[in-house]
Amino acid sequence: LAALLGNGLIITAVASDHHLHTPMYFFLLNLSLLDLGAISVIVPKSMANSLWDTRAISYLGCAAQVFLFVFSVGAEYSVLTVMAYDRFVAICRPLHYGTIMGSRACVQMAAAAWASGFLNAVMHTGNTFSIPLCRGNTVDQFFCEVPEILKLSCSDSYLRTVWALVITVCLGFGCFVFIVLSYVQIFTAVLRIPSEQGRHKAFSMCLPHLAVVSLFVSTGIFVCLKPPSLSSPALDLVVSVLYSVVPPAVNPLIYSMRNKELKDA
């Protein structure tokens, strides 16, 4: 409910207030749409199962859940990368901002982010569900999570997913390096601003995005690098909630907390 309310308010405010028709808020609108998509794919089904006291999901429903969730998360990470570039241009190239971040360029970058999420989802869903599942049909999680489905696969077919994982990790690491390098240059430029008010304005523009990226990346890294010895049903559940449910609910709060324009809208 918090995620629906927060993201719904941001989408409504950005869409209806012409003062917010800028590249920064355009990308924030995309982020909120993807947050809504990510949480709407998994939580309603889990709630319905809880209310009707069942743990069932159809095979096609599970495949759709994997596809839509991977698509939302992948596209969201790409949008966060584009938002880092937007902040970089705004602070380090302010005189060229209008030229570089024109409406056509923004639409193209957003389309590329959504397309990357779509291709990532096609790759992972195709790989996951083309493998024979020979260890039962019980997914030990509250939604169809790729690592849990792969545990049901035949061991000799598991290697077919390695290339998909390698490609995703490389792309994710590339985006992470791009974000880090962008912020190194941003903070270098901000510290050169002579007025305290100017520095404060620049920091207030960047810190919410940095907080969202940190939350997104830290939970993702923990999921990927968590040693098997730490694995337990309770911990796996907590970790899954941390990376799938918490960010969509918290992101609107982070972005609106110190944003006067968004609050006014």
Protein backbone atom coordinates (compact mmCIF):
# COMPACT_ATOMS: atom_id res chain seq x y z
CA LEU A 1 0.00 0.00 0.00
CA ALA A 2 2.87 2.36 0.80
CA ALA A 3 4.48 1.60 -2.58
CA LEU A 4 1.20 2.12 -4.45
CA LEU A 5 0.45 5.38 -2.66
CA GLY A 6 3.98 6.84 -2.87
CA ASN A 7 4.66 5.95 -6.49
CA GLY A 8 1.11 6.82 -7.53
CA LEU A 9 1.49 10.30 -6.01
CA ILE A 10 4.81 10.88 -7.79
CA ILE A 11 3.39 9.73 -11.14
CA THR A 12 0.31 11.95 -10.72
CA ALA A 13 2.34 14.98 -9.59
CA VAL A 14 4.89 14.74 -12.42
CA ALA A 15 2.24 14.10 -15.07
CA SER A 16 -0.10 16.92 -13.99
CA ASP A 17 2.30 19.72 -12.95
CA HIS A 18 4.01 21.47 -15.88
CA HIS A 19 6.75 22.75 -13.53
CA LEU A 20 7.93 19.13 -13.24
CA HIS A 21 8.14 18.52 -16.99
CA THR A 22 11.94 18.37 -16.91
CA PRO A 23 14.38 15.50 -17.66
CA MET A 24 15.01 14.79 -13.95
CA TYR A 25 11.31 14.30 -13.18
CA PHE A 26 10.68 12.49 -16.47
CA PHE A 27 13.17 9.81 -15.41
CA LEU A 28 11.69 9.80 -11.89
CA LEU A 29 8.28 9.11 -13.49
CA ASN A 30 9.80 6.13 -15.31
CA LEU A 31 11.38 4.90 -12.07
CA SER A 32 8.03 5.08 -10.25
CA LEU A 33 6.27 3.18 -13.05
CA LEU A 34 8.87 0.41 -12.86
CA ASP A 35 8.66 0.34 -9.04
CA LEU A 36 4.90 -0.14 -9.32
CA GLY A 37 5.43 -2.88 -11.89
CA ALA A 38 8.01 -4.74 -9.78
CA ILE A 39 5.88 -4.84 -6.64
CA SER A 40 2.56 -5.46 -8.45
CA VAL A 41 3.96 -8.56 -10.14
CA ILE A 42 4.74 -10.44 -6.90
CA VAL A 43 2.89 -9.03 -3.88
CA PRO A 44 -0.81 -9.31 -4.99
CA LYS A 45 -0.39 -13.01 -5.86
CA SER A 46 1.33 -13.63 -2.52
CA MET A 47 -1.49 -11.80 -0.70
CA ALA A 48 -4.13 -13.77 -2.60
CA ASN A 49 -2.42 -17.07 -1.70
CA SER A 50 -2.32 -15.99 1.93
CA LEU A 51 -6.02 -15.01 2.00
CA TRP A 52 -7.17 -18.25 0.31
CA ASP A 53 -4.69 -20.36 2.29
CA THR A 54 -2.95 -21.83 -0.75
CA ARG A 55 0.62 -21.89 -2.11
CA ALA A 56 -0.24 -22.64 -5.74
CA ILE A 57 0.77 -20.80 -8.91
CA SER A 58 0.39 -22.08 -12.47
CA TYR A 59 3.42 -22.84 -14.62
CA LEU A 60 2.54 -20.02 -17.05
CA GLY A 61 1.82 -17.71 -14.12
CA CYS A 62 5.24 -18.47 -12.68
CA ALA A 63 6.92 -17.82 -16.05
CA ALA A 64 5.03 -14.52 -16.41
CA GLN A 65 6.04 -13.52 -12.88
CA VAL A 66 9.72 -14.21 -13.61
CA PHE A 67 9.59 -12.31 -16.91
CA LEU A 68 7.80 -9.22 -15.55
CA PHE A 69 9.86 -9.02 -12.35
CA VAL A 70 13.23 -9.38 -14.14
CA PHE A 71 12.04 -6.85 -16.73
CA SER A 72 11.04 -4.30 -14.06
CA VAL A 73 14.22 -4.69 -12.00
CA GLY A 74 16.53 -4.66 -15.05
CA ALA A 75 14.87 -1.59 -16.57
CA GLU A 76 14.91 0.16 -13.18
CA TYR A 77 18.67 -0.32 -12.85
CA SER A 78 19.13 1.10 -16.36
CA VAL A 79 16.92 4.11 -15.51
CA LEU A 80 19.00 4.74 -12.37
CA THR A 81 22.13 4.72 -14.58
CA VAL A 82 20.55 7.24 -16.96
CA MET A 83 19.55 9.40 -13.97
CA ALA A 84 23.20 9.46 -12.87
CA TYR A 85 24.12 10.75 -16.34
CA ASP A 86 21.37 13.40 -16.06
CA ARG A 87 22.83 14.59 -12.72
CA PHE A 88 26.34 14.61 -14.23
CA VAL A 89 25.29 16.81 -17.17
CA ALA A 90 23.24 19.14 -14.92
CA ILE A 91 26.17 19.81 -12.56
CA CYS A 92 29.30 19.34 -14.70
CA ARG A 93 27.95 20.64 -18.06
CA PRO A 94 25.22 23.12 -17.01
CA LEU A 95 25.57 25.39 -20.09
CA HIS A 96 25.03 22.43 -22.44
CA TYR A 97 22.25 20.78 -20.37
CA GLY A 98 19.39 21.95 -22.59
CA THR A 99 21.17 20.71 -25.72
CA ILE A 100 22.35 17.35 -24.38
CA MET A 101 19.20 16.48 -22.41
CA GLY A 102 16.61 17.53 -24.97
CA SER A 103 13.18 15.88 -24.98
CA ARG A 104 14.09 13.55 -27.86
CA ALA A 105 17.32 12.42 -26.15
CA CYS A 106 15.44 11.77 -22.88
CA VAL A 107 12.80 9.65 -24.63
CA GLN A 108 15.52 7.69 -26.45
CA MET A 109 17.43 7.03 -23.20
CA ALA A 110 14.26 5.94 -21.38
CA ALA A 111 13.32 3.67 -24.32
CA ALA A 112 16.81 2.13 -24.26
CA ALA A 113 16.49 1.48 -20.51
CA TRP A 114 13.11 -0.25 -20.96
CA ALA A 115 14.43 -2.22 -23.95
CA SER A 116 17.45 -3.44 -21.95
CA GLY A 117 15.10 -4.67 -19.21
CA PHE A 118 12.96 -6.45 -21.82
CA LEU A 119 15.94 -8.21 -23.43
CA ASN A 120 17.30 -9.22 -20.01
CA ALA A 121 13.89 -10.64 -19.06
CA VAL A 122 13.58 -12.59 -22.34
CA MET A 123 17.07 -14.06 -21.86
CA HIS A 124 16.56 -15.12 -18.23
CA THR A 125 12.99 -16.40 -18.65
CA GLY A 126 13.95 -18.39 -21.75
CA ASN A 127 16.98 -19.90 -20.03
CA THR A 128 15.18 -20.69 -16.79
CA PHE A 129 12.14 -22.39 -18.30
CA SER A 130 13.95 -24.24 -21.07
CA ILE A 131 15.75 -26.34 -18.44
CA PRO A 132 14.02 -29.59 -17.39
CA LEU A 133 12.81 -29.40 -13.79
CA CYS A 134 13.33 -32.81 -12.23
CA ARG A 135 13.36 -32.07 -8.48
CA GLY A 136 9.70 -31.50 -7.77
CA ASN A 137 7.66 -28.35 -8.21
CA THR A 138 7.97 -26.61 -4.82
CA VAL A 139 9.53 -23.12 -4.98
CA ASP A 140 10.71 -22.31 -1.47
CA GLN A 141 9.92 -18.59 -1.69
CA PHE A 142 6.89 -16.26 -1.68
CA PHE A 143 7.23 -15.66 -5.43
CA CYS A 144 8.84 -17.35 -8.44
CA GLU A 145 12.47 -16.36 -7.93
CA VAL A 146 15.00 -17.51 -10.57
CA PRO A 147 17.60 -18.96 -8.12
CA GLU A 148 14.87 -20.99 -6.37
CA ILE A 149 13.55 -22.35 -9.68
CA LEU A 150 17.08 -23.29 -10.75
CA LYS A 151 17.38 -25.41 -7.60
CA LEU A 152 14.68 -27.64 -9.12
CA SER A 153 16.63 -28.14 -12.38
CA CYS A 154 18.64 -31.16 -13.42
CA SER A 155 22.30 -30.59 -12.55
CA ASP A 156 23.58 -31.37 -16.05
CA SER A 157 21.40 -28.61 -17.55
CA TYR A 158 22.37 -25.94 -15.04
CA LEU A 159 25.41 -24.80 -17.08
CA ARG A 160 23.06 -23.44 -19.77
CA THR A 161 22.29 -20.49 -17.50
CA VAL A 162 25.93 -19.54 -16.87
CA TRP A 163 26.28 -17.33 -19.96
CA ALA A 164 23.06 -15.48 -19.19
CA LEU A 165 24.29 -14.80 -15.65
CA VAL A 166 27.73 -13.70 -16.89
CA ILE A 167 26.19 -11.25 -19.40
CA THR A 168 23.87 -9.81 -16.73
CA VAL A 169 26.69 -9.43 -14.18
CA CYS A 170 28.94 -7.73 -16.76
CA LEU A 171 26.21 -5.29 -17.79
CA GLY A 172 25.30 -4.62 -14.16
CA PHE A 173 28.93 -4.03 -13.22
CA GLY A 174 29.34 -1.72 -16.22
CA CYS A 175 26.36 0.37 -15.09
CA PHE A 176 27.72 0.44 -11.53
CA VAL A 177 31.15 1.67 -12.71
CA PHE A 178 29.44 4.34 -14.85
CA ILE A 179 27.41 5.56 -11.85
CA VAL A 180 30.49 5.64 -9.58
CA LEU A 181 32.59 7.55 -12.14
CA SER A 182 29.72 10.00 -12.71
CA TYR A 183 29.47 10.73 -8.99
CA VAL A 184 33.24 11.12 -8.60
CA GLN A 185 33.10 13.90 -11.20
CA ILE A 186 29.89 15.33 -9.74
CA PHE A 187 31.30 15.63 -6.20
CA THR A 188 34.57 17.06 -7.56
CA ALA A 189 32.57 19.76 -9.38
CA VAL A 190 30.28 20.42 -6.39
CA LEU A 191 33.19 20.98 -4.01
CA ARG A 192 34.47 23.68 -6.38
CA ILE A 193 31.21 25.68 -6.14
CA PRO A 194 32.08 28.81 -4.14
CA SER A 195 28.70 29.48 -2.49
CA GLU A 196 27.38 27.28 0.29
CA GLN A 197 23.84 27.62 -1.07
CA GLY A 198 24.96 26.33 -4.47
CA ARG A 199 26.69 23.33 -2.91
CA HIS A 200 23.61 22.58 -0.80
CA LYS A 201 21.33 22.71 -3.87
CA ALA A 202 23.64 20.39 -5.83
CA PHE A 203 23.89 17.90 -2.97
CA SER A 204 20.11 17.92 -2.40
CA MET A 205 19.66 17.06 -6.10
CA CYS A 206 22.13 14.15 -6.00
CA LEU A 207 21.80 12.55 -2.56
CA PRO A 208 18.29 11.05 -3.03
CA HIS A 209 19.40 9.34 -6.24
CA LEU A 210 22.59 8.12 -4.56
CA ALA A 211 20.56 6.73 -1.63
CA VAL A 212 18.21 4.85 -3.98
CA VAL A 213 21.15 3.44 -5.99
CA SER A 214 22.90 2.35 -2.76
CA LEU A 215 19.77 0.55 -1.51
CA PHE A 216 19.21 -1.12 -4.88
CA VAL A 217 22.84 -2.20 -5.41
CA SER A 218 23.58 -3.29 -1.82
CA THR A 219 20.57 -5.62 -1.63
CA GLY A 220 21.35 -7.01 -5.10
CA ILE A 221 25.01 -7.66 -4.23
CA PHE A 222 24.01 -9.38 -0.98
CA VAL A 223 21.61 -11.67 -2.88
CA CYS A 224 24.27 -12.57 -5.48
CA LEU A 225 27.25 -12.97 -3.15
CA LYS A 226 25.55 -14.48 -0.08
CA PRO A 227 27.52 -17.65 0.80
CA PRO A 228 25.53 -20.92 0.74
CA SER A 229 26.47 -21.52 4.39
CA LEU A 230 24.30 -18.53 5.37
CA SER A 231 21.32 -19.81 3.42
CA SER A 232 18.19 -20.63 5.40
CA PRO A 233 14.46 -20.31 4.55
CA ALA A 234 13.98 -17.43 7.03
CA LEU A 235 17.05 -15.48 5.85
CA ASP A 236 16.23 -16.08 2.17
CA LEU A 237 12.73 -14.70 2.78
CA VAL A 238 14.06 -11.59 4.52
CA VAL A 239 16.62 -10.97 1.75
CA SER A 240 13.94 -11.39 -0.95
CA VAL A 241 11.68 -8.88 0.80
CA LEU A 242 14.65 -6.48 1.11
CA TYR A 243 15.39 -6.39 -2.60
CA SER A 244 11.89 -6.89 -4.06
CA VAL A 245 9.45 -5.11 -1.72
CA VAL A 246 11.38 -2.53 0.32
CA PRO A 247 12.92 -0.41 -2.53
CA PRO A 248 9.58 0.28 -4.34
CA ALA A 249 8.04 1.34 -1.02
CA VAL A 250 10.99 3.45 0.18
CA ASN A 251 12.06 5.12 -3.10
CA PRO A 252 9.18 7.65 -3.23
CA LEU A 253 9.88 8.64 0.38
CA ILE A 254 13.59 9.18 -0.35
CA TYR A 255 12.89 11.29 -3.42
CA SER A 256 10.16 13.46 -1.88
CA MET A 257 11.70 13.96 1.58
CA ARG A 258 13.84 17.01 0.73
CA ASN A 259 12.39 17.94 -2.67
CA LYS A 260 10.45 21.21 -2.38
CA GLU A 261 9.21 21.17 -6.00
CA LEU A 262 7.76 17.68 -5.61
CA LYS A 263 6.20 18.53 -2.24
CA ASP A 264 4.55 21.65 -3.69
CA ALA A 265 3.21 19.67 -6.65
